[in-house]
């Protein structure tokens, strides 16, 4: 069969082996040896949504094929796939390059993921357009205009949640939607400030969790390692704000309330405190109502995505129960369907 994605493969073989084909990119490969000196290749295959690591032994026909392939090459990998105590295994593995049409399908992540990410991008743009404060509105639009391509291909994390190309757009849209709902429940919150904070809270991941323009493997880089996304997000806000604050705008914004300097300061606080506590990496704890709301909206969207992925890929332990994955605290139980009067 043709698996739609690596995640689809992982779901299908969670309980029993399956034979089929995946489209993926050779993200990384390295030559290693066993304790007895036998050589093998460790290859990482990636698509937009997930990645897998395989050991390719020297007596396999695929060994010479992978040896000759360059990283970022698109391939079709056909095998009998199964999960063992050593991880994912592929027997009778056959590999061929992708056609241009197949390469395009792989890079889009499939119709469903591409549709969802496009809808999330449109949601972000619509919510930015709804901002009433001209300072925050212009700042948010400047971020989208200056960094659209980088934003749309970044991951929201290296692992755990939304750890895929385009994942930052999905996560940001989810947090912004949650912010709108929270403001409905608590109308005294500053909606414009909270939405701007939701947009910018992880914007530093455009460098910390960046993907190459045509690659599906997230590399490591000095900028992300040495500064981290919170520091980078603060820098992005300050640089964009400085560019926007021309003499003409400065004069126009002086009469606005709340004061312009306070608007920038409170937005910076949202980014600085959104992890919620010092031990989780925030340089300061949340000290405003909007900062508390953003911390919970961020955590909620991340946790629900972890559960969604866990239901897709976790091993079945019993009917309705899937094996949990860290950092979730326990196993996953199938949620109760919504009551439907018509049924």
C-alpha atoms as a PDB file:
ATOM      1  CA  UNK A   1       0.000   0.000   0.000  1.00  0.00           C
ATOM      2  CA  UNK A   2       0.989   3.652  -0.312  1.00  0.00           C
ATOM      3  CA  UNK A   3       1.250   5.259   3.113  1.00  0.00           C
ATOM      4  CA  UNK A   4       0.158   8.899   3.028  1.00  0.00           C
ATOM      5  CA  UNK A   5       2.913   9.928   5.431  1.00  0.00           C
ATOM      6  CA  UNK A   6       5.399   8.609   7.971  1.00  0.00           C
ATOM      7  CA  UNK A   7       2.783   9.259  10.671  1.00  0.00           C
ATOM      8  CA  UNK A   8       0.302   7.150   8.702  1.00  0.00           C
ATOM      9  CA  UNK A   9       2.896   4.371   8.514  1.00  0.00           C
ATOM     10  CA  UNK A  10       3.529   4.539  12.261  1.00  0.00           C
ATOM     11  CA  UNK A  11      -0.188   4.351  12.988  1.00  0.00           C
ATOM     12  CA  UNK A  12      -0.790   1.412  10.654  1.00  0.00           C
ATOM     13  CA  UNK A  13       2.048  -0.718  12.036  1.00  0.00           C
ATOM     14  CA  UNK A  14       1.603   0.163  15.710  1.00  0.00           C
ATOM     15  CA  UNK A  15      -0.019  -3.229  16.348  1.00  0.00           C
ATOM     16  CA  UNK A  16       1.114  -5.422  13.436  1.00  0.00           C
ATOM     17  CA  UNK A  17       3.604  -5.327  10.517  1.00  0.00           C
ATOM     18  CA  UNK A  18       2.609  -3.829   7.183  1.00  0.00           C
ATOM     19  CA  UNK A  19       4.005  -3.759   3.653  1.00  0.00           C
ATOM     20  CA  UNK A  20       4.003  -0.528   1.711  1.00  0.00           C
ATOM     21  CA  UNK A  21       5.715   2.598   0.422  1.00  0.00           C
ATOM     22  CA  UNK A  22       6.490   5.979   1.938  1.00  0.00           C
ATOM     23  CA  UNK A  23       7.700   9.142   0.233  1.00  0.00           C
ATOM     24  CA  UNK A  24      10.433  10.810   2.275  1.00  0.00           C
ATOM     25  CA  UNK A  25      13.607  12.847   2.118  1.00  0.00           C
ATOM     26  CA  UNK A  26      16.985  11.485   3.149  1.00  0.00           C
ATOM     27  CA  UNK A  27      17.520  13.962   5.969  1.00  0.00           C
ATOM     28  CA  UNK A  28      20.752  12.566   7.421  1.00  0.00           C
ATOM     29  CA  UNK A  29      22.991   9.535   7.117  1.00  0.00           C
ATOM     30  CA  UNK A  30      26.085   8.391   8.944  1.00  0.00           C
ATOM     31  CA  UNK A  31      28.337   5.335   8.789  1.00  0.00           C
ATOM     32  CA  UNK A  32      28.686   3.394  12.028  1.00  0.00           C
ATOM     33  CA  UNK A  33      30.055   0.066  13.200  1.00  0.00           C
ATOM     34  CA  UNK A  34      28.805  -2.574  15.602  1.00  0.00           C
ATOM     35  CA  UNK A  35      30.831  -3.786  18.570  1.00  0.00           C
ATOM     36  CA  UNK A  36      32.174  -6.563  16.334  1.00  0.00           C
ATOM     37  CA  UNK A  37      33.310  -4.086  13.670  1.00  0.00           C
ATOM     38  CA  UNK A  38      30.488  -4.681  11.199  1.00  0.00           C
ATOM     39  CA  UNK A  39      29.614  -1.477   9.258  1.00  0.00           C
ATOM     40  CA  UNK A  40      26.097  -0.162   8.863  1.00  0.00           C
ATOM     41  CA  UNK A  41      24.364   3.053   7.883  1.00  0.00           C
ATOM     42  CA  UNK A  42      22.086   4.988  10.208  1.00  0.00           C
ATOM     43  CA  UNK A  43      19.686   6.966   8.033  1.00  0.00           C
ATOM     44  CA  UNK A  44      17.030   9.459   9.035  1.00  0.00           C
ATOM     45  CA  UNK A  45      14.077   9.760   6.675  1.00  0.00           C
ATOM     46  CA  UNK A  46      11.759  12.746   6.992  1.00  0.00           C
ATOM     47  CA  UNK A  47       8.577  14.113   5.534  1.00  0.00           C
ATOM     48  CA  UNK A  48       6.790  17.308   6.512  1.00  0.00           C
ATOM     49  CA  UNK A  49       5.074  15.802   9.551  1.00  0.00           C
ATOM     50  CA  UNK A  50       7.517  13.306  11.057  1.00  0.00           C
ATOM     51  CA  UNK A  51      10.806  11.425  10.730  1.00  0.00           C
ATOM     52  CA  UNK A  52      12.121   7.916  11.307  1.00  0.00           C
ATOM     53  CA  UNK A  53      15.582   6.436  11.817  1.00  0.00           C
ATOM     54  CA  UNK A  54      16.624   3.139  10.234  1.00  0.00           C
ATOM     55  CA  UNK A  55      19.701   0.935  10.444  1.00  0.00           C
ATOM     56  CA  UNK A  56      20.810  -0.278   7.008  1.00  0.00           C
ATOM     57  CA  UNK A  57      23.098  -3.296   7.257  1.00  0.00           C
ATOM     58  CA  UNK A  58      26.013  -3.848   4.880  1.00  0.00           C
ATOM     59  CA  UNK A  59      24.490  -7.040   3.411  1.00  0.00           C
ATOM     60  CA  UNK A  60      21.322  -5.199   2.347  1.00  0.00           C
ATOM     61  CA  UNK A  61      20.741  -4.144  -1.260  1.00  0.00           C
ATOM     62  CA  UNK A  62      19.714  -0.748   0.113  1.00  0.00           C
ATOM     63  CA  UNK A  63      23.182  -0.247   1.667  1.00  0.00           C
ATOM     64  CA  UNK A  64      24.847   0.639  -1.625  1.00  0.00           C
ATOM     65  CA  UNK A  65      21.822   2.671  -2.715  1.00  0.00           C
ATOM     66  CA  UNK A  66      21.899   4.866   0.388  1.00  0.00           C
ATOM     67  CA  UNK A  67      25.695   5.140   0.210  1.00  0.00           C
ATOM     68  CA  UNK A  68      25.337   6.843  -3.164  1.00  0.00           C
ATOM     69  CA  UNK A  69      22.500   9.187  -2.205  1.00  0.00           C
ATOM     70  CA  UNK A  70      23.019  12.808  -1.183  1.00  0.00           C
ATOM     71  CA  UNK A  71      21.189  14.266   1.800  1.00  0.00           C
ATOM     72  CA  UNK A  72      17.943  16.118   0.897  1.00  0.00           C
ATOM     73  CA  UNK A  73      17.285  13.556  -1.873  1.00  0.00           C
ATOM     74  CA  UNK A  74      13.642  12.541  -2.158  1.00  0.00           C
ATOM     75  CA  UNK A  75      13.063   8.776  -2.173  1.00  0.00           C
ATOM     76  CA  UNK A  76      10.314   6.182  -2.272  1.00  0.00           C
ATOM     77  CA  UNK A  77      11.060   3.489   0.332  1.00  0.00           C
ATOM     78  CA  UNK A  78       9.149   0.209   0.049  1.00  0.00           C
ATOM     79  CA  UNK A  79       9.467  -2.462   2.735  1.00  0.00           C
ATOM     80  CA  UNK A  80       7.776  -4.638   5.272  1.00  0.00           C
ATOM     81  CA  UNK A  81       7.626  -2.300   8.255  1.00  0.00           C
ATOM     82  CA  UNK A  82       7.317  -3.347  11.874  1.00  0.00           C
ATOM     83  CA  UNK A  83       8.011  -2.117  15.376  1.00  0.00           C
ATOM     84  CA  UNK A  84      10.380  -4.171  17.509  1.00  0.00           C
ATOM     85  CA  UNK A  85      12.123  -3.729  20.836  1.00  0.00           C
ATOM     86  CA  UNK A  86      14.900  -1.981  18.874  1.00  0.00           C
ATOM     87  CA  UNK A  87      12.547   0.485  17.174  1.00  0.00           C
ATOM     88  CA  UNK A  88      11.293   0.658  13.599  1.00  0.00           C
ATOM     89  CA  UNK A  89      12.591  -2.054  11.273  1.00  0.00           C
ATOM     90  CA  UNK A  90      12.296  -2.294   7.482  1.00  0.00           C
ATOM     91  CA  UNK A  91      12.870  -5.692   5.866  1.00  0.00           C
ATOM     92  CA  UNK A  92      13.192  -6.337   2.116  1.00  0.00           C
ATOM     93  CA  UNK A  93      13.766  -2.592   1.735  1.00  0.00           C
ATOM     94  CA  UNK A  94      13.752  -1.178  -1.806  1.00  0.00           C
ATOM     95  CA  UNK A  95      14.626   2.452  -2.545  1.00  0.00           C
ATOM     96  CA  UNK A  96      14.236   4.637  -5.652  1.00  0.00           C
ATOM     97  CA  UNK A  97      14.353   8.393  -6.343  1.00  0.00           C
ATOM     98  CA  UNK A  98      11.085  10.320  -6.444  1.00  0.00           C
ATOM     99  CA  UNK A  99       9.674  11.753  -9.632  1.00  0.00           C
ATOM    100  CA  UNK A 100       9.149  15.551  -9.696  1.00  0.00           C
ATOM    101  CA  UNK A 101       5.410  15.004  -9.132  1.00  0.00           C
ATOM    102  CA  UNK A 102       6.064  12.727  -6.154  1.00  0.00           C
ATOM    103  CA  UNK A 103       8.590  15.217  -4.769  1.00  0.00           C
ATOM    104  CA  UNK A 104       5.925  17.927  -4.871  1.00  0.00           C
ATOM    105  CA  UNK A 105       3.450  15.695  -3.018  1.00  0.00           C
ATOM    106  CA  UNK A 106       6.044  14.942  -0.329  1.00  0.00           C
ATOM    107  CA  UNK A 107       7.040  18.593   0.205  1.00  0.00           C
ATOM    108  CA  UNK A 108       3.397  19.657   0.622  1.00  0.00           C
ATOM    109  CA  UNK A 109       2.903  17.203   3.479  1.00  0.00           C
ATOM    110  CA  UNK A 110      -0.138  15.725   1.775  1.00  0.00           C
ATOM    111  CA  UNK A 111      -3.472  17.342   1.002  1.00  0.00           C
ATOM    112  CA  UNK A 112      -4.848  17.298   4.556  1.00  0.00           C
ATOM    113  CA  UNK A 113      -1.830  18.836   6.297  1.00  0.00           C
ATOM    114  CA  UNK A 114      -1.352  21.413   3.522  1.00  0.00           C
ATOM    115  CA  UNK A 115      -5.029  22.421   3.800  1.00  0.00           C
ATOM    116  CA  UNK A 116      -4.836  22.704   7.593  1.00  0.00           C
ATOM    117  CA  UNK A 117      -1.683  24.829   7.529  1.00  0.00           C
ATOM    118  CA  UNK A 118      -3.143  27.134   4.864  1.00  0.00           C
ATOM    119  CA  UNK A 119      -6.301  27.606   6.936  1.00  0.00           C
ATOM    120  CA  UNK A 120      -4.179  28.329  10.015  1.00  0.00           C
ATOM    121  CA  UNK A 121      -2.160  30.942   8.127  1.00  0.00           C
ATOM    122  CA  UNK A 122      -5.379  32.627   6.948  1.00  0.00           C
ATOM    123  CA  UNK A 123      -6.661  32.553  10.552  1.00  0.00           C
ATOM    124  CA  UNK A 124      -3.504  34.307  11.796  1.00  0.00           C
ATOM    125  CA  UNK A 125      -3.801  37.006   9.114  1.00  0.00           C
ATOM    126  CA  UNK A 126      -7.507  37.568   9.834  1.00  0.00           C
ATOM    127  CA  UNK A 127      -6.926  37.911  13.586  1.00  0.00           C
ATOM    128  CA  UNK A 128      -4.063  40.357  13.001  1.00  0.00           C
ATOM    129  CA  UNK A 129      -6.389  42.414  10.777  1.00  0.00           C
ATOM    130  CA  UNK A 130      -8.928  42.504  13.637  1.00  0.00           C
ATOM    131  CA  UNK A 131      -6.561  44.370  15.995  1.00  0.00           C
ATOM    132  CA  UNK A 132      -7.821  47.821  16.970  1.00  0.00           C
ATOM    133  CA  UNK A 133      -4.613  49.264  18.456  1.00  0.00           C
ATOM    134  CA  UNK A 134      -2.761  50.733  15.427  1.00  0.00           C
ATOM    135  CA  UNK A 135       0.619  50.179  17.071  1.00  0.00           C
ATOM    136  CA  UNK A 136       0.114  46.467  17.662  1.00  0.00           C
ATOM    137  CA  UNK A 137      -1.661  46.039  14.342  1.00  0.00           C
ATOM    138  CA  UNK A 138       1.178  47.586  12.355  1.00  0.00           C
ATOM    139  CA  UNK A 139       3.780  45.661  14.358  1.00  0.00           C
ATOM    140  CA  UNK A 140       2.054  42.310  13.745  1.00  0.00           C
ATOM    141  CA  UNK A 141       1.568  43.001  10.039  1.00  0.00           C
ATOM    142  CA  UNK A 142       5.245  43.973   9.748  1.00  0.00           C
ATOM    143  CA  UNK A 143       6.224  40.623  11.271  1.00  0.00           C
ATOM    144  CA  UNK A 144       4.056  38.669   8.830  1.00  0.00           C
ATOM    145  CA  UNK A 145       5.293  40.684   5.835  1.00  0.00           C
ATOM    146  CA  UNK A 146       9.000  40.521   6.757  1.00  0.00           C
ATOM    147  CA  UNK A 147       9.169  36.875   7.813  1.00  0.00           C
ATOM    148  CA  UNK A 148       6.325  35.054   6.036  1.00  0.00           C
ATOM    149  CA  UNK A 149       8.468  32.435   4.281  1.00  0.00           C
ATOM    150  CA  UNK A 150      10.614  31.718   7.356  1.00  0.00           C
ATOM    151  CA  UNK A 151       7.544  31.662   9.635  1.00  0.00           C
ATOM    152  CA  UNK A 152       5.585  29.271   7.413  1.00  0.00           C
ATOM    153  CA  UNK A 153       8.337  26.652   7.264  1.00  0.00           C
ATOM    154  CA  UNK A 154       9.508  26.762  10.914  1.00  0.00           C
ATOM    155  CA  UNK A 155       8.653  24.093  13.464  1.00  0.00           C
ATOM    156  CA  UNK A 156       7.065  24.915  16.814  1.00  0.00           C
ATOM    157  CA  UNK A 157       9.523  22.612  18.589  1.00  0.00           C
ATOM    158  CA  UNK A 158      12.353  20.192  17.882  1.00  0.00           C
ATOM    159  CA  UNK A 159      10.296  17.399  19.438  1.00  0.00           C
ATOM    160  CA  UNK A 160       7.224  16.965  21.654  1.00  0.00           C
ATOM    161  CA  UNK A 161       4.619  19.120  19.810  1.00  0.00           C
ATOM    162  CA  UNK A 162       4.139  20.538  16.308  1.00  0.00           C
ATOM    163  CA  UNK A 163       7.681  19.361  15.560  1.00  0.00           C
ATOM    164  CA  UNK A 164       7.343  19.561  11.810  1.00  0.00           C
ATOM    165  CA  UNK A 165       7.781  21.922   8.900  1.00  0.00           C
ATOM    166  CA  UNK A 166       4.975  24.465   9.196  1.00  0.00           C
ATOM    167  CA  UNK A 167       4.269  23.481  12.797  1.00  0.00           C
ATOM    168  CA  UNK A 168       4.880  27.021  14.080  1.00  0.00           C
ATOM    169  CA  UNK A 169       1.954  28.311  12.006  1.00  0.00           C
ATOM    170  CA  UNK A 170      -0.320  25.567  13.382  1.00  0.00           C
ATOM    171  CA  UNK A 171       0.686  26.224  16.984  1.00  0.00           C
ATOM    172  CA  UNK A 172       0.503  30.020  16.694  1.00  0.00           C
ATOM    173  CA  UNK A 173      -2.970  29.848  15.148  1.00  0.00           C
ATOM    174  CA  UNK A 174      -4.114  27.518  17.929  1.00  0.00           C
ATOM    175  CA  UNK A 175      -2.827  29.845  20.648  1.00  0.00           C
ATOM    176  CA  UNK A 176      -4.415  32.879  18.972  1.00  0.00           C
ATOM    177  CA  UNK A 177      -7.788  31.108  18.699  1.00  0.00           C
ATOM    178  CA  UNK A 178      -7.552  30.173  22.375  1.00  0.00           C
ATOM    179  CA  UNK A 179      -6.737  33.796  23.197  1.00  0.00           C
ATOM    180  CA  UNK A 180      -9.908  34.955  21.448  1.00  0.00           C
ATOM    181  CA  UNK A 181     -11.989  32.439  23.422  1.00  0.00           C
ATOM    182  CA  UNK A 182     -10.338  33.454  26.709  1.00  0.00           C
ATOM    183  CA  UNK A 183     -11.108  37.114  26.002  1.00  0.00           C
ATOM    184  CA  UNK A 184     -14.760  36.190  25.458  1.00  0.00           C
ATOM    185  CA  UNK A 185     -14.842  34.521  28.883  1.00  0.00           C
ATOM    186  CA  UNK A 186     -12.811  37.320  30.524  1.00  0.00           C
ATOM    187  CA  UNK A 187     -13.680  40.538  28.651  1.00  0.00           C
ATOM    188  CA  UNK A 188     -11.535  42.749  30.893  1.00  0.00           C
ATOM    189  CA  UNK A 189      -8.422  41.316  29.243  1.00  0.00           C
ATOM    190  CA  UNK A 190      -6.635  43.468  26.657  1.00  0.00           C
ATOM    191  CA  UNK A 191      -7.566  41.489  23.523  1.00  0.00           C
ATOM    192  CA  UNK A 192      -5.166  43.310  21.192  1.00  0.00           C
ATOM    193  CA  UNK A 193      -2.230  42.821  23.547  1.00  0.00           C
ATOM    194  CA  UNK A 194      -3.005  39.138  24.167  1.00  0.00           C
ATOM    195  CA  UNK A 195      -3.375  38.383  20.443  1.00  0.00           C
ATOM    196  CA  UNK A 196      -0.120  40.192  19.641  1.00  0.00           C
ATOM    197  CA  UNK A 197       1.581  38.220  22.403  1.00  0.00           C
ATOM    198  CA  UNK A 198       0.195  34.986  20.977  1.00  0.00           C
ATOM    199  CA  UNK A 199       1.599  35.877  17.545  1.00  0.00           C
ATOM    200  CA  UNK A 200       5.050  36.804  18.851  1.00  0.00           C
ATOM    201  CA  UNK A 201       5.422  34.368  21.768  1.00  0.00           C
ATOM    202  CA  UNK A 202       7.320  31.741  19.741  1.00  0.00           C
ATOM    203  CA  UNK A 203       8.512  33.882  16.830  1.00  0.00           C
ATOM    204  CA  UNK A 204      12.134  33.280  17.884  1.00  0.00           C
ATOM    205  CA  UNK A 205      11.634  29.683  16.766  1.00  0.00           C
ATOM    206  CA  UNK A 206      11.920  30.979  13.209  1.00  0.00           C
ATOM    207  CA  UNK A 207      15.655  30.680  13.998  1.00  0.00           C
ATOM    208  CA  UNK A 208      15.732  28.138  16.819  1.00  0.00           C
ATOM    209  CA  UNK A 209      13.570  25.595  14.917  1.00  0.00           C
ATOM    210  CA  UNK A 210      14.302  26.702  11.354  1.00  0.00           C
ATOM    211  CA  UNK A 211      14.047  24.438   8.326  1.00  0.00           C
ATOM    212  CA  UNK A 212      16.092  24.976   5.154  1.00  0.00           C
ATOM    213  CA  UNK A 213      14.148  26.328   2.196  1.00  0.00           C
ATOM    214  CA  UNK A 214      14.036  22.904   0.515  1.00  0.00           C
ATOM    215  CA  UNK A 215      14.869  20.613   3.440  1.00  0.00           C
ATOM    216  CA  UNK A 216      12.830  18.489   5.818  1.00  0.00           C
ATOM    217  CA  UNK A 217      15.495  18.040   8.512  1.00  0.00           C
ATOM    218  CA  UNK A 218      15.745  20.679  11.223  1.00  0.00           C
ATOM    219  CA  UNK A 219      19.435  21.559  11.644  1.00  0.00           C
ATOM    220  CA  UNK A 220      21.079  23.021  14.711  1.00  0.00           C
ATOM    221  CA  UNK A 221      22.448  26.564  14.498  1.00  0.00           C
ATOM    222  CA  UNK A 222      24.513  28.841  16.735  1.00  0.00           C
ATOM    223  CA  UNK A 223      21.797  31.502  16.894  1.00  0.00           C
ATOM    224  CA  UNK A 224      19.147  29.211  18.335  1.00  0.00           C
ATOM    225  CA  UNK A 225      21.560  27.400  20.654  1.00  0.00           C
ATOM    226  CA  UNK A 226      23.210  30.498  22.117  1.00  0.00           C
ATOM    227  CA  UNK A 227      20.173  32.756  22.464  1.00  0.00           C
ATOM    228  CA  UNK A 228      17.001  30.628  22.493  1.00  0.00           C
ATOM    229  CA  UNK A 229      13.614  31.613  21.121  1.00  0.00           C
ATOM    230  CA  UNK A 230      12.542  33.875  24.003  1.00  0.00           C
ATOM    231  CA  UNK A 231      15.588  36.128  23.661  1.00  0.00           C
ATOM    232  CA  UNK A 232      15.218  36.100  19.878  1.00  0.00           C
ATOM    233  CA  UNK A 233      11.524  36.984  20.118  1.00  0.00           C
ATOM    234  CA  UNK A 234      12.304  40.004  22.280  1.00  0.00           C
ATOM    235  CA  UNK A 235      14.900  41.113  19.724  1.00  0.00           C
ATOM    236  CA  UNK A 236      12.426  40.738  16.838  1.00  0.00           C
ATOM    237  CA  UNK A 237       9.846  42.930  18.589  1.00  0.00           C
ATOM    238  CA  UNK A 238      12.364  45.637  19.428  1.00  0.00           C
ATOM    239  CA  UNK A 239      13.850  45.734  15.921  1.00  0.00           C
ATOM    240  CA  UNK A 240      10.459  45.884  14.182  1.00  0.00           C
ATOM    241  CA  UNK A 241       9.232  48.499  16.665  1.00  0.00           C
ATOM    242  CA  UNK A 242      12.276  50.697  16.017  1.00  0.00           C
ATOM    243  CA  UNK A 243      11.732  50.470  12.241  1.00  0.00           C
ATOM    244  CA  UNK A 244       8.072  51.413  12.606  1.00  0.00           C
ATOM    245  CA  UNK A 245       8.664  54.332  14.951  1.00  0.00           C
ATOM    246  CA  UNK A 246       9.370  57.027  12.352  1.00  0.00           C
ATOM    247  CA  UNK A 247       9.092  60.653  13.393  1.00  0.00           C
ATOM    248  CA  UNK A 248       5.634  60.804  11.846  1.00  0.00           C
ATOM    249  CA  UNK A 249       4.367  57.734  13.673  1.00  0.00           C
ATOM    250  CA  UNK A 250       6.033  58.769  16.923  1.00  0.00           C
ATOM    251  CA  UNK A 251       4.129  62.027  16.833  1.00  0.00           C
ATOM    252  CA  UNK A 252       0.825  60.302  15.989  1.00  0.00           C
ATOM    253  CA  UNK A 253       1.263  57.631  18.677  1.00  0.00           C
ATOM    254  CA  UNK A 254       2.065  60.126  21.468  1.00  0.00           C
ATOM    255  CA  UNK A 255      -1.632  60.936  21.909  1.00  0.00           C
ATOM    256  CA  UNK A 256      -2.753  57.298  22.109  1.00  0.00           C
ATOM    257  CA  UNK A 257      -3.735  55.503  25.291  1.00  0.00           C
ATOM    258  CA  UNK A 258      -2.376  53.394  26.847  1.00  0.00           C
ATOM    259  CA  UNK A 259       1.039  55.046  26.373  1.00  0.00           C
ATOM    260  CA  UNK A 260       3.134  53.659  23.526  1.00  0.00           C
ATOM    261  CA  UNK A 261       6.161  52.766  25.666  1.00  0.00           C
ATOM    262  CA  UNK A 262       3.891  50.770  27.991  1.00  0.00           C
ATOM    263  CA  UNK A 263       2.344  48.859  25.087  1.00  0.00           C
ATOM    264  CA  UNK A 264       5.777  47.734  23.904  1.00  0.00           C
ATOM    265  CA  UNK A 265       6.894  46.873  27.451  1.00  0.00           C
ATOM    266  CA  UNK A 266       3.805  44.765  28.190  1.00  0.00           C
ATOM    267  CA  UNK A 267       4.169  42.912  24.880  1.00  0.00           C
ATOM    268  CA  UNK A 268       7.806  42.145  25.692  1.00  0.00           C
ATOM    269  CA  UNK A 269       6.687  40.823  29.081  1.00  0.00           C
ATOM    270  CA  UNK A 270       4.275  38.390  27.405  1.00  0.00           C
ATOM    271  CA  UNK A 271       7.079  36.913  25.326  1.00  0.00           C
ATOM    272  CA  UNK A 272       9.518  36.851  28.251  1.00  0.00           C
ATOM    273  CA  UNK A 273       7.100  35.124  30.653  1.00  0.00           C
ATOM    274  CA  UNK A 274       5.105  32.772  28.412  1.00  0.00           C
ATOM    275  CA  UNK A 275       6.776  29.587  29.717  1.00  0.00           C
ATOM    276  CA  UNK A 276       5.238  30.421  33.070  1.00  0.00           C
ATOM    277  CA  UNK A 277       8.116  29.777  35.464  1.00  0.00           C
ATOM    278  CA  UNK A 278      11.854  30.263  35.783  1.00  0.00           C
ATOM    279  CA  UNK A 279      12.614  26.520  35.741  1.00  0.00           C
ATOM    280  CA  UNK A 280      10.902  26.197  32.353  1.00  0.00           C
ATOM    281  CA  UNK A 281      13.121  28.861  30.795  1.00  0.00           C
ATOM    282  CA  UNK A 282      11.244  32.130  31.261  1.00  0.00           C
ATOM    283  CA  UNK A 283      13.519  34.909  32.541  1.00  0.00           C
ATOM    284  CA  UNK A 284      10.538  36.327  34.461  1.00  0.00           C
ATOM    285  CA  UNK A 285       7.257  34.867  35.739  1.00  0.00           C
ATOM    286  CA  UNK A 286       3.889  36.125  34.423  1.00  0.00           C
ATOM    287  CA  UNK A 287       2.940  39.350  36.239  1.00  0.00           C
ATOM    288  CA  UNK A 288      -0.097  40.573  34.281  1.00  0.00           C
ATOM    289  CA  UNK A 289      -3.489  38.995  33.524  1.00  0.00           C
ATOM    290  CA  UNK A 290      -2.608  38.753  29.820  1.00  0.00           C
ATOM    291  CA  UNK A 291       0.669  36.996  30.647  1.00  0.00           C
ATOM    292  CA  UNK A 292      -1.184  34.396  32.755  1.00  0.00           C
ATOM    293  CA  UNK A 293      -3.703  33.881  29.949  1.00  0.00           C
ATOM    294  CA  UNK A 294      -0.974  33.473  27.306  1.00  0.00           C
ATOM    295  CA  UNK A 295       0.944  30.945  29.394  1.00  0.00           C
ATOM    296  CA  UNK A 296      -2.161  28.749  29.730  1.00  0.00           C
ATOM    297  CA  UNK A 297      -3.201  29.133  26.070  1.00  0.00           C
ATOM    298  CA  UNK A 298       0.296  28.132  24.948  1.00  0.00           C
ATOM    299  CA  UNK A 299       0.395  25.131  27.274  1.00  0.00           C
ATOM    300  CA  UNK A 300      -3.118  23.997  26.305  1.00  0.00           C
ATOM    301  CA  UNK A 301      -2.400  23.999  22.578  1.00  0.00           C
ATOM    302  CA  UNK A 302       0.895  22.142  23.061  1.00  0.00           C
ATOM    303  CA  UNK A 303      -0.632  19.483  25.345  1.00  0.00           C
ATOM    304  CA  UNK A 304      -3.608  18.799  23.065  1.00  0.00           C
ATOM    305  CA  UNK A 305      -1.256  18.376  20.099  1.00  0.00           C
ATOM    306  CA  UNK A 306       0.847  15.927  22.140  1.00  0.00           C
ATOM    307  CA  UNK A 307      -2.291  13.909  22.841  1.00  0.00           C
ATOM    308  CA  UNK A 308      -3.399  13.999  19.196  1.00  0.00           C
ATOM    309  CA  UNK A 309      -0.013  12.678  18.108  1.00  0.00           C
ATOM    310  CA  UNK A 310      -0.037  10.114  20.897  1.00  0.00           C
ATOM    311  CA  UNK A 311      -3.371   8.697  19.760  1.00  0.00           C
ATOM    312  CA  UNK A 312      -1.941   8.385  16.226  1.00  0.00           C
ATOM    313  CA  UNK A 313       1.356   6.716  17.099  1.00  0.00           C
ATOM    314  CA  UNK A 314       1.113   5.219  20.590  1.00  0.00           C
ATOM    315  CA  UNK A 315       1.020   1.434  20.948  1.00  0.00           C
ATOM    316  CA  UNK A 316      -2.371  -0.069  21.797  1.00  0.00           C
ATOM    317  CA  UNK A 317      -2.457  -1.415  25.371  1.00  0.00           C
ATOM    318  CA  UNK A 318      -6.159  -2.316  25.451  1.00  0.00           C
ATOM    319  CA  UNK A 319      -9.373  -1.198  23.728  1.00  0.00           C
ATOM    320  CA  UNK A 320      -9.529   2.602  24.044  1.00  0.00           C
ATOM    321  CA  UNK A 321      -6.078   2.833  25.714  1.00  0.00           C
ATOM    322  CA  UNK A 322      -2.842   3.914  24.023  1.00  0.00           C
ATOM    323  CA  UNK A 323       0.618   3.996  25.537  1.00  0.00           C
ATOM    324  CA  UNK A 324       1.478   7.508  26.694  1.00  0.00           C
ATOM    325  CA  UNK A 325       4.513   9.485  25.626  1.00  0.00           C
ATOM    326  CA  UNK A 326       6.569  11.922  27.656  1.00  0.00           C
ATOM    327  CA  UNK A 327       6.070  14.598  28.811  1.00  0.00           C
ATOM    328  CA  UNK A 328       2.406  13.593  29.166  1.00  0.00           C
ATOM    329  CA  UNK A 329       1.944  12.088  32.639  1.00  0.00           C
ATOM    330  CA  UNK A 330       0.188   8.833  31.745  1.00  0.00           C
ATOM    331  CA  UNK A 331      -1.402   6.586  29.154  1.00  0.00           C
ATOM    332  CA  UNK A 332      -4.014   7.982  26.763  1.00  0.00           C
ATOM    333  CA  UNK A 333      -7.698   7.016  26.883  1.00  0.00           C
ATOM    334  CA  UNK A 334      -9.919   7.543  23.839  1.00  0.00           C
ATOM    335  CA  UNK A 335     -12.088  10.619  24.459  1.00  0.00           C
ATOM    336  CA  UNK A 336     -15.848  10.298  24.862  1.00  0.00           C
ATOM    337  CA  UNK A 337     -17.756  11.311  21.712  1.00  0.00           C
ATOM    338  CA  UNK A 338     -20.017  14.339  21.885  1.00  0.00           C
ATOM    339  CA  UNK A 339     -23.662  13.512  22.559  1.00  0.00           C
ATOM    340  CA  UNK A 340     -25.764  13.777  19.404  1.00  0.00           C
ATOM    341  CA  UNK A 341     -29.520  14.097  19.973  1.00  0.00           C
ATOM    342  CA  UNK A 342     -30.319  13.154  16.359  1.00  0.00           C
ATOM    343  CA  UNK A 343     -28.524   9.819  16.678  1.00  0.00           C
END
